[in-house]
Amino acid sequence: MLLEIFQEHNNEIDSLIEKGFAAGTVERYHTCKKHVTDLIKQKHKINNKTLILNT
């Protein structure tokens, strides 16, 4: 659920690049999601397949 919300947010931000959001800011949102994903996988010892099935 958390990663779904994160992805929805990133999708919305992607569409705002030309409307005031800098590309670097958008890239940092994507990097943040990657770090959160990695943390979840590490702490809960789950793999990509499990994350994809649950998102």
Protein backbone atom coordinates (compact mmCIF):
# COMPACT_ATOMS: atom_id res chain seq x y z
CA MET A 1 0.00 0.00 0.00
CA LEU A 2 2.72 2.46 0.94
CA LEU A 3 4.63 1.84 -2.29
CA GLU A 4 1.44 2.22 -4.33
CA ILE A 5 0.81 5.62 -2.77
CA PHE A 6 4.43 6.59 -3.30
CA GLN A 7 4.19 5.60 -6.99
CA GLU A 8 0.94 7.53 -7.47
CA HIS A 9 2.60 10.59 -5.95
CA ASN A 10 5.63 10.20 -8.21
CA ASN A 11 3.38 9.85 -11.26
CA GLU A 12 1.63 13.10 -10.35
CA ILE A 13 4.95 14.86 -9.79
CA ASP A 14 6.26 13.57 -13.14
CA SER A 15 3.45 15.43 -14.88
CA LEU A 16 4.41 18.65 -13.09
CA ILE A 17 7.99 18.88 -14.37
CA GLU A 18 7.03 21.51 -16.94
CA LYS A 19 4.66 23.25 -14.52
CA GLY A 20 7.07 24.36 -11.85
CA PHE A 21 8.81 21.27 -10.52
CA ALA A 22 12.48 20.97 -11.38
CA ALA A 23 13.63 17.71 -12.94
CA GLY A 24 16.13 17.29 -10.09
CA THR A 25 13.36 17.46 -7.52
CA VAL A 26 11.39 14.79 -9.36
CA GLU A 27 14.48 12.60 -9.56
CA ARG A 28 14.92 12.88 -5.79
CA TYR A 29 11.33 11.68 -5.25
CA HIS A 30 12.09 8.61 -7.37
CA THR A 31 15.33 8.03 -5.47
CA CYS A 32 13.47 8.29 -2.18
CA LYS A 33 10.97 5.64 -3.29
CA LYS A 34 13.84 3.36 -4.27
CA HIS A 35 15.43 3.78 -0.84
CA VAL A 36 12.13 3.07 0.93
CA THR A 37 11.64 -0.02 -1.24
CA ASP A 38 15.15 -1.24 -0.44
CA LEU A 39 14.60 -0.64 3.28
CA ILE A 40 11.34 -2.60 3.27
CA LYS A 41 13.01 -5.49 1.44
CA GLN A 42 15.95 -5.49 3.85
CA LYS A 43 14.00 -5.15 7.10
CA HIS A 44 11.28 -7.62 6.18
CA LYS A 45 13.48 -9.95 4.14
CA ILE A 46 11.20 -10.01 1.13
CA ASN A 47 12.08 -10.03 -2.55
CA ASN A 48 10.97 -7.98 -5.55
CA LYS A 49 8.36 -10.56 -6.58
CA THR A 50 6.65 -10.30 -3.19
CA LEU A 51 6.70 -6.51 -3.32
CA ILE A 52 5.21 -6.48 -6.83
CA LEU A 53 2.47 -8.94 -5.87
CA ASN A 54 1.53 -6.83 -2.84
CA THR A 55 1.52 -3.45 -4.63
